[in-house]
Structures are given as C-alpha cells and as structure tokens.
PDB file of N, CA and C in Angstrom:
ATOM      1  N   MET A   1      -1.978 -15.215 -12.416  1.00  0.00           N
ATOM      2  CA  MET A   1      -3.374 -15.148 -12.781  1.00  0.00           C
ATOM      3  C   MET A   1      -3.978 -13.851 -12.254  1.00  0.00           C
ATOM      4  N   SER A   2      -4.709 -13.159 -13.083  1.00  0.00           N
ATOM      5  CA  SER A   2      -5.315 -11.887 -12.723  1.00  0.00           C
ATOM      6  C   SER A   2      -6.556 -12.101 -11.863  1.00  0.00           C
ATOM      7  N   ASP A   3      -6.842 -11.138 -10.985  1.00  0.00           N
ATOM      8  CA  ASP A   3      -8.054 -11.229 -10.181  1.00  0.00           C
ATOM      9  C   ASP A   3      -9.181 -10.400 -10.786  1.00  0.00           C
ATOM     10  N   PHE A   4      -9.012  -9.952 -12.043  1.00  0.00           N
ATOM     11  CA  PHE A   4     -10.073  -9.220 -12.730  1.00  0.00           C
ATOM     12  C   PHE A   4     -10.343  -9.866 -14.071  1.00  0.00           C
ATOM     13  N   PRO A   5     -11.544 -10.109 -14.435  1.00  0.00           N
ATOM     14  CA  PRO A   5     -12.702  -9.919 -13.566  1.00  0.00           C
ATOM     15  C   PRO A   5     -12.780 -11.010 -12.522  1.00  0.00           C
ATOM     16  N   PRO A   6     -13.458 -10.692 -11.410  1.00  0.00           N
ATOM     17  CA  PRO A   6     -13.628 -11.727 -10.397  1.00  0.00           C
ATOM     18  C   PRO A   6     -14.522 -12.835 -10.938  1.00  0.00           C
ATOM     19  N   PRO A   7     -14.563 -13.968 -10.277  1.00  0.00           N
ATOM     20  CA  PRO A   7     -15.437 -15.041 -10.755  1.00  0.00           C
ATOM     21  C   PRO A   7     -16.902 -14.605 -10.710  1.00  0.00           C
ATOM     22  N   PRO A   8     -17.726 -15.072 -11.641  1.00  0.00           N
ATOM     23  CA  PRO A   8     -19.146 -14.723 -11.617  1.00  0.00           C
ATOM     24  C   PRO A   8     -19.838 -15.332 -10.398  1.00  0.00           C
ATOM     25  N   ASN A   9     -21.061 -14.876 -10.150  1.00  0.00           N
ATOM     26  CA  ASN A   9     -21.812 -15.395  -9.004  1.00  0.00           C
ATOM     27  C   ASN A   9     -22.288 -16.825  -9.275  1.00  0.00           C
ATOM     28  N   LEU A  10     -23.070 -17.367  -8.361  1.00  0.00           N
ATOM     29  CA  LEU A  10     -23.514 -18.758  -8.479  1.00  0.00           C
ATOM     30  C   LEU A  10     -24.395 -19.005  -9.699  1.00  0.00           C
ATOM     31  N   HIS A  11     -24.994 -17.936 -10.251  1.00  0.00           N
ATOM     32  CA  HIS A  11     -25.827 -18.075 -11.442  1.00  0.00           C
ATOM     33  C   HIS A  11     -25.011 -17.963 -12.729  1.00  0.00           C
ATOM     34  N   GLY A  12     -23.703 -17.773 -12.586  1.00  0.00           N
ATOM     35  CA  GLY A  12     -22.831 -17.689 -13.757  1.00  0.00           C
ATOM     36  C   GLY A  12     -22.815 -16.338 -14.423  1.00  0.00           C
ATOM     37  N   ASN A  13     -23.299 -15.299 -13.719  1.00  0.00           N
ATOM     38  CA  ASN A  13     -23.282 -13.953 -14.296  1.00  0.00           C
ATOM     39  C   ASN A  13     -22.818 -12.953 -13.238  1.00  0.00           C
ATOM     40  N   TYR A  14     -22.944 -11.680 -13.529  1.00  0.00           N
ATOM     41  CA  TYR A  14     -22.483 -10.638 -12.612  1.00  0.00           C
ATOM     42  C   TYR A  14     -23.641  -9.822 -12.043  1.00  0.00           C
ATOM     43  N   ALA A  15     -24.840 -10.388 -12.038  1.00  0.00           N
ATOM     44  CA  ALA A  15     -25.988  -9.692 -11.444  1.00  0.00           C
ATOM     45  C   ALA A  15     -25.681  -9.400  -9.977  1.00  0.00           C
ATOM     46  N   GLY A  16     -26.005  -8.193  -9.546  1.00  0.00           N
ATOM     47  CA  GLY A  16     -25.738  -7.814  -8.159  1.00  0.00           C
ATOM     48  C   GLY A  16     -24.305  -7.401  -7.909  1.00  0.00           C
ATOM     49  N   SER A  17     -23.564  -7.130  -8.983  1.00  0.00           N
ATOM     50  CA  SER A  17     -22.158  -6.766  -8.852  1.00  0.00           C
ATOM     51  C   SER A  17     -21.944  -5.275  -9.066  1.00  0.00           C
ATOM     52  N   CYS A  18     -20.840  -4.777  -8.566  1.00  0.00           N
ATOM     53  CA  CYS A  18     -20.439  -3.383  -8.771  1.00  0.00           C
ATOM     54  C   CYS A  18     -20.223  -3.147 -10.261  1.00  0.00           C
ATOM     55  N   VAL A  19     -20.743  -2.044 -10.759  1.00  0.00           N
ATOM     56  CA  VAL A  19     -20.640  -1.726 -12.180  1.00  0.00           C
ATOM     57  C   VAL A  19     -19.187  -1.460 -12.597  1.00  0.00           C
ATOM     58  N   VAL A  20     -18.325  -1.185 -11.636  1.00  0.00           N
ATOM     59  CA  VAL A  20     -16.926  -0.867 -11.945  1.00  0.00           C
ATOM     60  C   VAL A  20     -16.029  -2.093 -11.789  1.00  0.00           C
ATOM     61  N   CYS A  21     -15.999  -2.673 -10.594  1.00  0.00           N
ATOM     62  CA  CYS A  21     -15.035  -3.751 -10.316  1.00  0.00           C
ATOM     63  C   CYS A  21     -15.635  -5.152 -10.464  1.00  0.00           C
ATOM     64  N   LEU A  22     -16.952  -5.251 -10.636  1.00  0.00           N
ATOM     65  CA  LEU A  22     -17.681  -6.507 -10.833  1.00  0.00           C
ATOM     66  C   LEU A  22     -17.712  -7.416  -9.613  1.00  0.00           C
ATOM     67  N   LYS A  23     -17.304  -6.924  -8.449  1.00  0.00           N
ATOM     68  CA  LYS A  23     -17.418  -7.710  -7.222  1.00  0.00           C
ATOM     69  C   LYS A  23     -18.837  -7.536  -6.673  1.00  0.00           C
ATOM     70  N   GLY A  24     -19.380  -8.569  -6.058  1.00  0.00           N
ATOM     71  CA  GLY A  24     -20.724  -8.504  -5.507  1.00  0.00           C
ATOM     72  C   GLY A  24     -20.863  -7.379  -4.498  1.00  0.00           C
ATOM     73  N   THR A  25     -22.003  -6.687  -4.532  1.00  0.00           N
ATOM     74  CA  THR A  25     -22.249  -5.596  -3.592  1.00  0.00           C
ATOM     75  C   THR A  25     -23.745  -5.425  -3.368  1.00  0.00           C
ATOM     76  N   ASP A  26     -24.087  -4.875  -2.230  1.00  0.00           N
ATOM     77  CA  ASP A  26     -25.479  -4.576  -1.945  1.00  0.00           C
ATOM     78  C   ASP A  26     -25.682  -3.065  -1.810  1.00  0.00           C
ATOM     79  N   THR A  27     -24.742  -2.280  -2.383  1.00  0.00           N
ATOM     80  CA  THR A  27     -24.833  -0.824  -2.324  1.00  0.00           C
ATOM     81  C   THR A  27     -24.922  -0.247  -3.731  1.00  0.00           C
ATOM     82  N   GLY A  28     -25.366   0.987  -3.815  1.00  0.00           N
ATOM     83  CA  GLY A  28     -25.475   1.638  -5.115  1.00  0.00           C
ATOM     84  C   GLY A  28     -25.841   3.098  -4.974  1.00  0.00           C
ATOM     85  N   LEU A  29     -26.134   3.711  -6.114  1.00  0.00           N
ATOM     86  CA  LEU A  29     -26.541   5.109  -6.187  1.00  0.00           C
ATOM     87  C   LEU A  29     -27.353   5.304  -7.456  1.00  0.00           C
ATOM     88  N   VAL A  30     -27.985   6.470  -7.581  1.00  0.00           N
ATOM     89  CA  VAL A  30     -28.778   6.786  -8.761  1.00  0.00           C
ATOM     90  C   VAL A  30     -28.348   8.140  -9.295  1.00  0.00           C
ATOM     91  N   PHE A  31     -28.060   8.196 -10.589  1.00  0.00           N
ATOM     92  CA  PHE A  31     -27.838   9.466 -11.278  1.00  0.00           C
ATOM     93  C   PHE A  31     -29.161   9.849 -11.926  1.00  0.00           C
ATOM     94  N   ILE A  32     -29.576  11.113 -11.787  1.00  0.00           N
ATOM     95  CA  ILE A  32     -30.780  11.601 -12.447  1.00  0.00           C
ATOM     96  C   ILE A  32     -30.377  12.814 -13.269  1.00  0.00           C
ATOM     97  N   GLY A  33     -30.463  12.678 -14.579  1.00  0.00           N
ATOM     98  CA  GLY A  33     -30.080  13.772 -15.468  1.00  0.00           C
ATOM     99  C   GLY A  33     -30.126  13.307 -16.902  1.00  0.00           C
ATOM    100  N   ASP A  34     -29.580  14.114 -17.789  1.00  0.00           N
ATOM    101  CA  ASP A  34     -29.548  13.722 -19.195  1.00  0.00           C
ATOM    102  C   ASP A  34     -28.397  12.741 -19.429  1.00  0.00           C
ATOM    103  N   ALA A  35     -28.322  12.238 -20.639  1.00  0.00           N
ATOM    104  CA  ALA A  35     -27.308  11.221 -20.962  1.00  0.00           C
ATOM    105  C   ALA A  35     -25.898  11.735 -20.711  1.00  0.00           C
ATOM    106  N   ALA A  36     -25.645  13.025 -20.967  1.00  0.00           N
ATOM    107  CA  ALA A  36     -24.309  13.577 -20.748  1.00  0.00           C
ATOM    108  C   ALA A  36     -23.947  13.569 -19.262  1.00  0.00           C
ATOM    109  N   PHE A  37     -24.896  13.936 -18.396  1.00  0.00           N
ATOM    110  CA  PHE A  37     -24.637  13.945 -16.954  1.00  0.00           C
ATOM    111  C   PHE A  37     -24.375  12.528 -16.449  1.00  0.00           C
ATOM    112  N   ILE A  38     -25.206  11.582 -16.870  1.00  0.00           N
ATOM    113  CA  ILE A  38     -25.040  10.197 -16.438  1.00  0.00           C
ATOM    114  C   ILE A  38     -23.722   9.633 -16.955  1.00  0.00           C
ATOM    115  N   SER A  39     -23.375   9.952 -18.197  1.00  0.00           N
ATOM    116  CA  SER A  39     -22.099   9.495 -18.757  1.00  0.00           C
ATOM    117  C   SER A  39     -20.928  10.042 -17.953  1.00  0.00           C
ATOM    118  N   ALA A  40     -21.008  11.305 -17.541  1.00  0.00           N
ATOM    119  CA  ALA A  40     -19.944  11.901 -16.729  1.00  0.00           C
ATOM    120  C   ALA A  40     -19.844  11.193 -15.376  1.00  0.00           C
ATOM    121  N   GLY A  41     -20.990  10.846 -14.788  1.00  0.00           N
ATOM    122  CA  GLY A  41     -20.982  10.132 -13.518  1.00  0.00           C
ATOM    123  C   GLY A  41     -20.361   8.750 -13.642  1.00  0.00           C
ATOM    124  N   LEU A  42     -20.705   8.045 -14.700  1.00  0.00           N
ATOM    125  CA  LEU A  42     -20.134   6.713 -14.922  1.00  0.00           C
ATOM    126  C   LEU A  42     -18.635   6.794 -15.151  1.00  0.00           C
ATOM    127  N   THR A  43     -18.195   7.811 -15.883  1.00  0.00           N
ATOM    128  CA  THR A  43     -16.761   8.015 -16.116  1.00  0.00           C
ATOM    129  C   THR A  43     -16.056   8.328 -14.804  1.00  0.00           C
ATOM    130  N   ALA A  44     -16.684   9.166 -13.965  1.00  0.00           N
ATOM    131  CA  ALA A  44     -16.091   9.501 -12.668  1.00  0.00           C
ATOM    132  C   ALA A  44     -15.959   8.260 -11.780  1.00  0.00           C
ATOM    133  N   LEU A  45     -16.900   7.332 -11.902  1.00  0.00           N
ATOM    134  CA  LEU A  45     -16.822   6.093 -11.122  1.00  0.00           C
ATOM    135  C   LEU A  45     -15.655   5.208 -11.556  1.00  0.00           C
ATOM    136  N   GLY A  46     -15.199   5.387 -12.792  1.00  0.00           N
ATOM    137  CA  GLY A  46     -14.065   4.594 -13.259  1.00  0.00           C
ATOM    138  C   GLY A  46     -14.374   3.681 -14.422  1.00  0.00           C
ATOM    139  N   ILE A  47     -15.555   3.805 -14.996  1.00  0.00           N
ATOM    140  CA  ILE A  47     -15.859   3.017 -16.188  1.00  0.00           C
ATOM    141  C   ILE A  47     -15.125   3.651 -17.355  1.00  0.00           C
ATOM    142  N   PRO A  48     -14.353   2.887 -18.110  1.00  0.00           N
ATOM    143  CA  PRO A  48     -13.609   3.459 -19.235  1.00  0.00           C
ATOM    144  C   PRO A  48     -14.549   4.178 -20.213  1.00  0.00           C
ATOM    145  N   LYS A  49     -14.080   5.297 -20.744  1.00  0.00           N
ATOM    146  CA  LYS A  49     -14.917   6.112 -21.632  1.00  0.00           C
ATOM    147  C   LYS A  49     -15.476   5.324 -22.806  1.00  0.00           C
ATOM    148  N   ASP A  50     -14.707   4.389 -23.332  1.00  0.00           N
ATOM    149  CA  ASP A  50     -15.208   3.617 -24.475  1.00  0.00           C
ATOM    150  C   ASP A  50     -16.287   2.611 -24.071  1.00  0.00           C
ATOM    151  N   GLN A  51     -16.463   2.375 -22.770  1.00  0.00           N
ATOM    152  CA  GLN A  51     -17.498   1.459 -22.286  1.00  0.00           C
ATOM    153  C   GLN A  51     -18.731   2.171 -21.737  1.00  0.00           C
ATOM    154  N   VAL A  52     -18.620   3.477 -21.484  1.00  0.00           N
ATOM    155  CA  VAL A  52     -19.745   4.227 -20.918  1.00  0.00           C
ATOM    156  C   VAL A  52     -20.963   4.161 -21.832  1.00  0.00           C
ATOM    157  N   VAL A  53     -20.769   4.301 -23.120  1.00  0.00           N
ATOM    158  CA  VAL A  53     -21.894   4.285 -24.057  1.00  0.00           C
ATOM    159  C   VAL A  53     -22.608   2.933 -24.016  1.00  0.00           C
ATOM    160  N   HIS A  54     -21.871   1.850 -23.852  1.00  0.00           N
ATOM    161  CA  HIS A  54     -22.479   0.523 -23.770  1.00  0.00           C
ATOM    162  C   HIS A  54     -23.238   0.346 -22.455  1.00  0.00           C
ATOM    163  N   THR A  55     -22.661   0.855 -21.373  1.00  0.00           N
ATOM    164  CA  THR A  55     -23.302   0.771 -20.062  1.00  0.00           C
ATOM    165  C   THR A  55     -24.601   1.561 -20.052  1.00  0.00           C
ATOM    166  N   LEU A  56     -24.573   2.764 -20.613  1.00  0.00           N
ATOM    167  CA  LEU A  56     -25.768   3.599 -20.673  1.00  0.00           C
ATOM    168  C   LEU A  56     -26.829   2.952 -21.552  1.00  0.00           C
ATOM    169  N   ALA A  57     -26.443   2.395 -22.668  1.00  0.00           N
ATOM    170  CA  ALA A  57     -27.399   1.727 -23.561  1.00  0.00           C
ATOM    171  C   ALA A  57     -28.038   0.524 -22.873  1.00  0.00           C
ATOM    172  N   ALA A  58     -27.242  -0.254 -22.153  1.00  0.00           N
ATOM    173  CA  ALA A  58     -27.777  -1.428 -21.464  1.00  0.00           C
ATOM    174  C   ALA A  58     -28.773  -1.023 -20.378  1.00  0.00           C
ATOM    175  N   ALA A  59     -28.491   0.071 -19.693  1.00  0.00           N
ATOM    176  CA  ALA A  59     -29.369   0.510 -18.609  1.00  0.00           C
ATOM    177  C   ALA A  59     -30.669   1.123 -19.116  1.00  0.00           C
ATOM    178  N   THR A  60     -30.639   1.748 -20.278  1.00  0.00           N
ATOM    179  CA  THR A  60     -31.841   2.411 -20.797  1.00  0.00           C
ATOM    180  C   THR A  60     -32.601   1.547 -21.786  1.00  0.00           C
ATOM    181  N   GLY A  61     -32.045   0.399 -22.135  1.00  0.00           N
ATOM    182  CA  GLY A  61     -32.708  -0.469 -23.098  1.00  0.00           C
ATOM    183  C   GLY A  61     -32.576   0.026 -24.520  1.00  0.00           C
ATOM    184  N   GLY A  62     -31.698   0.985 -24.731  1.00  0.00           N
ATOM    185  CA  GLY A  62     -31.490   1.534 -26.069  1.00  0.00           C
ATOM    186  C   GLY A  62     -30.339   0.855 -26.777  1.00  0.00           C
ATOM    187  N   VAL A  63     -29.998   1.410 -27.907  1.00  0.00           N
ATOM    188  CA  VAL A  63     -28.840   0.922 -28.650  1.00  0.00           C
ATOM    189  C   VAL A  63     -27.705   1.897 -28.421  1.00  0.00           C
ATOM    190  N   ASP A  64     -26.486   1.440 -28.628  1.00  0.00           N
ATOM    191  CA  ASP A  64     -25.322   2.309 -28.426  1.00  0.00           C
ATOM    192  C   ASP A  64     -25.468   3.596 -29.221  1.00  0.00           C
ATOM    193  N   GLY A  65     -25.286   4.711 -28.535  1.00  0.00           N
ATOM    194  CA  GLY A  65     -25.339   6.013 -29.190  1.00  0.00           C
ATOM    195  C   GLY A  65     -26.724   6.620 -29.276  1.00  0.00           C
ATOM    196  N   ALA A  66     -27.785   5.865 -29.006  1.00  0.00           N
ATOM    197  CA  ALA A  66     -29.145   6.395 -29.042  1.00  0.00           C
ATOM    198  C   ALA A  66     -29.722   6.330 -27.637  1.00  0.00           C
ATOM    199  N   HIS A  67     -29.927   7.497 -27.013  1.00  0.00           N
ATOM    200  CA  HIS A  67     -30.421   7.554 -25.647  1.00  0.00           C
ATOM    201  C   HIS A  67     -31.661   8.429 -25.596  1.00  0.00           C
ATOM    202  N   PRO A  68     -32.542   8.170 -24.653  1.00  0.00           N
ATOM    203  CA  PRO A  68     -33.725   9.012 -24.517  1.00  0.00           C
ATOM    204  C   PRO A  68     -33.325  10.464 -24.264  1.00  0.00           C
ATOM    205  N   ALA A  69     -34.102  11.382 -24.808  1.00  0.00           N
ATOM    206  CA  ALA A  69     -33.841  12.805 -24.581  1.00  0.00           C
ATOM    207  C   ALA A  69     -34.372  13.187 -23.203  1.00  0.00           C
ATOM    208  N   GLY A  70     -33.785  14.192 -22.617  1.00  0.00           N
ATOM    209  CA  GLY A  70     -34.253  14.691 -21.331  1.00  0.00           C
ATOM    210  C   GLY A  70     -33.679  13.930 -20.157  1.00  0.00           C
ATOM    211  N   ASP A  71     -34.164  14.307 -18.984  1.00  0.00           N
ATOM    212  CA  ASP A  71     -33.672  13.696 -17.757  1.00  0.00           C
ATOM    213  C   ASP A  71     -34.243  12.299 -17.575  1.00  0.00           C
ATOM    214  N   MET A  72     -33.421  11.434 -17.017  1.00  0.00           N
ATOM    215  CA  MET A  72     -33.837  10.062 -16.729  1.00  0.00           C
ATOM    216  C   MET A  72     -33.058   9.587 -15.512  1.00  0.00           C
ATOM    217  N   PRO A  73     -33.607   8.641 -14.770  1.00  0.00           N
ATOM    218  CA  PRO A  73     -32.852   8.059 -13.659  1.00  0.00           C
ATOM    219  C   PRO A  73     -32.058   6.848 -14.138  1.00  0.00           C
ATOM    220  N   MET A  74     -30.899   6.670 -13.564  1.00  0.00           N
ATOM    221  CA  MET A  74     -30.113   5.467 -13.838  1.00  0.00           C
ATOM    222  C   MET A  74     -29.507   4.987 -12.529  1.00  0.00           C
ATOM    223  N   GLY A  75     -30.039   3.896 -12.017  1.00  0.00           N
ATOM    224  CA  GLY A  75     -29.500   3.310 -10.805  1.00  0.00           C
ATOM    225  C   GLY A  75     -28.388   2.335 -11.147  1.00  0.00           C
ATOM    226  N   VAL A  76     -27.316   2.400 -10.401  1.00  0.00           N
ATOM    227  CA  VAL A  76     -26.199   1.485 -10.615  1.00  0.00           C
ATOM    228  C   VAL A  76     -25.747   0.921  -9.272  1.00  0.00           C
ATOM    229  N   ARG A  77     -25.400  -0.346  -9.293  1.00  0.00           N
ATOM    230  CA  ARG A  77     -24.789  -0.944  -8.106  1.00  0.00           C
ATOM    231  C   ARG A  77     -23.318  -0.550  -8.126  1.00  0.00           C
ATOM    232  N   VAL A  78     -22.870  -0.003  -7.014  1.00  0.00           N
ATOM    233  CA  VAL A  78     -21.478   0.429  -6.877  1.00  0.00           C
ATOM    234  C   VAL A  78     -21.028   0.075  -5.472  1.00  0.00           C
ATOM    235  N   CYS A  79     -19.863  -0.544  -5.369  1.00  0.00           N
ATOM    236  CA  CYS A  79     -19.338  -0.867  -4.040  1.00  0.00           C
ATOM    237  C   CYS A  79     -18.784   0.402  -3.390  1.00  0.00           C
ATOM    238  N   LYS A  80     -18.608   0.342  -2.091  1.00  0.00           N
ATOM    239  CA  LYS A  80     -18.147   1.517  -1.345  1.00  0.00           C
ATOM    240  C   LYS A  80     -16.772   1.980  -1.799  1.00  0.00           C
ATOM    241  N   SER A  81     -15.862   1.057  -2.074  1.00  0.00           N
ATOM    242  CA  SER A  81     -14.501   1.481  -2.430  1.00  0.00           C
ATOM    243  C   SER A  81     -14.466   2.145  -3.801  1.00  0.00           C
ATOM    244  N   CYS A  82     -15.229   1.658  -4.773  1.00  0.00           N
ATOM    245  CA  CYS A  82     -15.261   2.308  -6.095  1.00  0.00           C
ATOM    246  C   CYS A  82     -15.930   3.679  -6.002  1.00  0.00           C
ATOM    247  N   ALA A  83     -17.002   3.803  -5.211  1.00  0.00           N
ATOM    248  CA  ALA A  83     -17.671   5.093  -5.031  1.00  0.00           C
ATOM    249  C   ALA A  83     -16.756   6.075  -4.311  1.00  0.00           C
ATOM    250  N   ARG A  84     -16.021   5.596  -3.326  1.00  0.00           N
ATOM    251  CA  ARG A  84     -15.121   6.461  -2.565  1.00  0.00           C
ATOM    252  C   ARG A  84     -14.056   7.078  -3.474  1.00  0.00           C
ATOM    253  N   ARG A  85     -13.551   6.293  -4.436  1.00  0.00           N
ATOM    254  CA  ARG A  85     -12.547   6.825  -5.375  1.00  0.00           C
ATOM    255  C   ARG A  85     -13.118   7.959  -6.211  1.00  0.00           C
ATOM    256  N   ALA A  86     -14.432   7.954  -6.441  1.00  0.00           N
ATOM    257  CA  ALA A  86     -15.090   9.006  -7.218  1.00  0.00           C
ATOM    258  C   ALA A  86     -15.631  10.110  -6.312  1.00  0.00           C
ATOM    259  N   ASP A  87     -15.382  10.014  -5.014  1.00  0.00           N
ATOM    260  CA  ASP A  87     -15.872  10.966  -4.026  1.00  0.00           C
ATOM    261  C   ASP A  87     -17.401  11.025  -4.018  1.00  0.00           C
ATOM    262  N   LEU A  88     -18.037   9.846  -4.135  1.00  0.00           N
ATOM    263  CA  LEU A  88     -19.494   9.733  -4.094  1.00  0.00           C
ATOM    264  C   LEU A  88     -19.890   8.832  -2.933  1.00  0.00           C
ATOM    265  N   GLU A  89     -21.108   9.001  -2.468  1.00  0.00           N
ATOM    266  CA  GLU A  89     -21.656   8.179  -1.393  1.00  0.00           C
ATOM    267  C   GLU A  89     -22.562   7.113  -1.998  1.00  0.00           C
ATOM    268  N   VAL A  90     -22.676   6.007  -1.321  1.00  0.00           N
ATOM    269  CA  VAL A  90     -23.597   4.943  -1.724  1.00  0.00           C
ATOM    270  C   VAL A  90     -24.509   4.617  -0.552  1.00  0.00           C
ATOM    271  N   GLY A  91     -25.580   3.913  -0.850  1.00  0.00           N
ATOM    272  CA  GLY A  91     -26.494   3.440   0.180  1.00  0.00           C
ATOM    273  C   GLY A  91     -26.822   1.993  -0.099  1.00  0.00           C
ATOM    274  N   LEU A  92     -27.473   1.348   0.865  1.00  0.00           N
ATOM    275  CA  LEU A  92     -27.884  -0.034   0.656  1.00  0.00           C
ATOM    276  C   LEU A  92     -28.941  -0.090  -0.427  1.00  0.00           C
ATOM    277  N   TRP A  93     -28.809  -1.042  -1.315  1.00  0.00           N
ATOM    278  CA  TRP A  93     -29.740  -1.199  -2.424  1.00  0.00           C
ATOM    279  C   TRP A  93     -31.065  -1.699  -1.862  1.00  0.00           C
ATOM    280  N   PRO A  94     -32.217  -1.166  -2.125  1.00  0.00           N
ATOM    281  CA  PRO A  94     -32.547  -0.147  -3.112  1.00  0.00           C
ATOM    282  C   PRO A  94     -32.658   1.257  -2.544  1.00  0.00           C
ATOM    283  N   THR A  95     -32.329   1.487  -1.274  1.00  0.00           N
ATOM    284  CA  THR A  95     -32.383   2.822  -0.688  1.00  0.00           C
ATOM    285  C   THR A  95     -31.024   3.485  -0.901  1.00  0.00           C
ATOM    286  N   VAL A  96     -30.904   4.242  -1.970  1.00  0.00           N
ATOM    287  CA  VAL A  96     -29.608   4.773  -2.369  1.00  0.00           C
ATOM    288  C   VAL A  96     -29.669   6.293  -2.549  1.00  0.00           C
ATOM    289  N   PRO A  97     -28.520   6.982  -2.477  1.00  0.00           N
ATOM    290  CA  PRO A  97     -28.519   8.424  -2.711  1.00  0.00           C
ATOM    291  C   PRO A  97     -28.768   8.757  -4.178  1.00  0.00           C
ATOM    292  N   LEU A  98     -29.377   9.915  -4.400  1.00  0.00           N
ATOM    293  CA  LEU A  98     -29.645  10.402  -5.755  1.00  0.00           C
ATOM    294  C   LEU A  98     -28.674  11.523  -6.079  1.00  0.00           C
ATOM    295  N   TYR A  99     -28.118  11.505  -7.275  1.00  0.00           N
ATOM    296  CA  TYR A  99     -27.234  12.567  -7.742  1.00  0.00           C
ATOM    297  C   TYR A  99     -27.896  13.274  -8.910  1.00  0.00           C
ATOM    298  N   ILE A 100     -28.162  14.579  -8.727  1.00  0.00           N
ATOM    299  CA  ILE A 100     -28.867  15.391  -9.715  1.00  0.00           C
ATOM    300  C   ILE A 100     -27.960  16.565 -10.058  1.00  0.00           C
ATOM    301  N   PRO A 101     -27.846  16.926 -11.361  1.00  0.00           N
ATOM    302  CA  PRO A 101     -26.974  18.055 -11.704  1.00  0.00           C
ATOM    303  C   PRO A 101     -27.513  19.352 -11.105  1.00  0.00           C
ATOM    304  N   PRO A 102     -26.618  20.248 -10.720  1.00  0.00           N
ATOM    305  CA  PRO A 102     -27.075  21.528 -10.175  1.00  0.00           C
ATOM    306  C   PRO A 102     -27.762  22.354 -11.254  1.00  0.00           C
ATOM    307  N   LYS A 103     -28.759  23.131 -10.840  1.00  0.00           N
ATOM    308  CA  LYS A 103     -29.467  24.013 -11.765  1.00  0.00           C
ATOM    309  C   LYS A 103     -28.609  25.248 -12.011  1.00  0.00           C
ATOM    310  N   PRO A 104     -28.575  25.748 -13.255  1.00  0.00           N
ATOM    311  CA  PRO A 104     -27.801  26.960 -13.530  1.00  0.00           C
ATOM    312  C   PRO A 104     -28.394  28.148 -12.791  1.00  0.00           C
ATOM    313  N   ARG A 105     -27.525  29.015 -12.338  1.00  0.00           N
ATOM    314  CA  ARG A 105     -27.978  30.241 -11.652  1.00  0.00           C
ATOM    315  C   ARG A 105     -28.407  31.253 -12.687  1.00  0.00           C
ATOM    316  N   SER A 106     -29.471  31.986 -12.355  1.00  0.00           N
ATOM    317  CA  SER A 106     -29.930  32.999 -13.301  1.00  0.00           C
ATOM    318  C   SER A 106     -29.572  34.395 -12.868  1.00  0.00           C
TER     319      SER A 106
END
C-alpha cells in the first residue's frame, strides 16, 4: 500500500497540508511575481509541470490557463522537507518568507 497521498485530515480534506506532499504543516512561503515566476517557484518545489497550471488557477480563483496580469502574491503551505529540496526557506504560517524575482540590472 502506498503512503501517497497521505490520509486526509479530520475534515476529510487536505486543508492545512503541504502543497507538494499533502502532509499537514504549519509552515509556508509566499511567491510575489507574475504567473511565470510563481509557476517556476511551484515547479521548483516539486509540483509536476502539468499540475502547476491547476494549482495557480485554484490559488488565484481563475480558470486553467487564465491568470491575472502583473505581479500578484501567492501564499502556499509547504513543509520544511519539501522546501529544503527546492533550496527555499519557510516560516510559520502566516508569518512566512516572501520570494520576489530580482529586478533586471540597467
């Protein structure tokens, strides 16, 4: 028997779970940037590329493939071990680190 996905929480869902491994966590981070930057961050965390568009749509309230233009924040719950694999830091939810793309040099 596989241990993925883990059993849902007491409410029968995965609320409060890591966006990658679905295990309960109280840590997370926030990406602030355009849809491409956030998609790259989600991919770096380990979300399969074919699922990133669905994850982004669910977080922004949009439909798959249609995302708001410009920069936006996207907070995600991520456990320490999944973040560590992506070489990212997490903080206790809701006080979490922000990841913003670097500005181009002129």
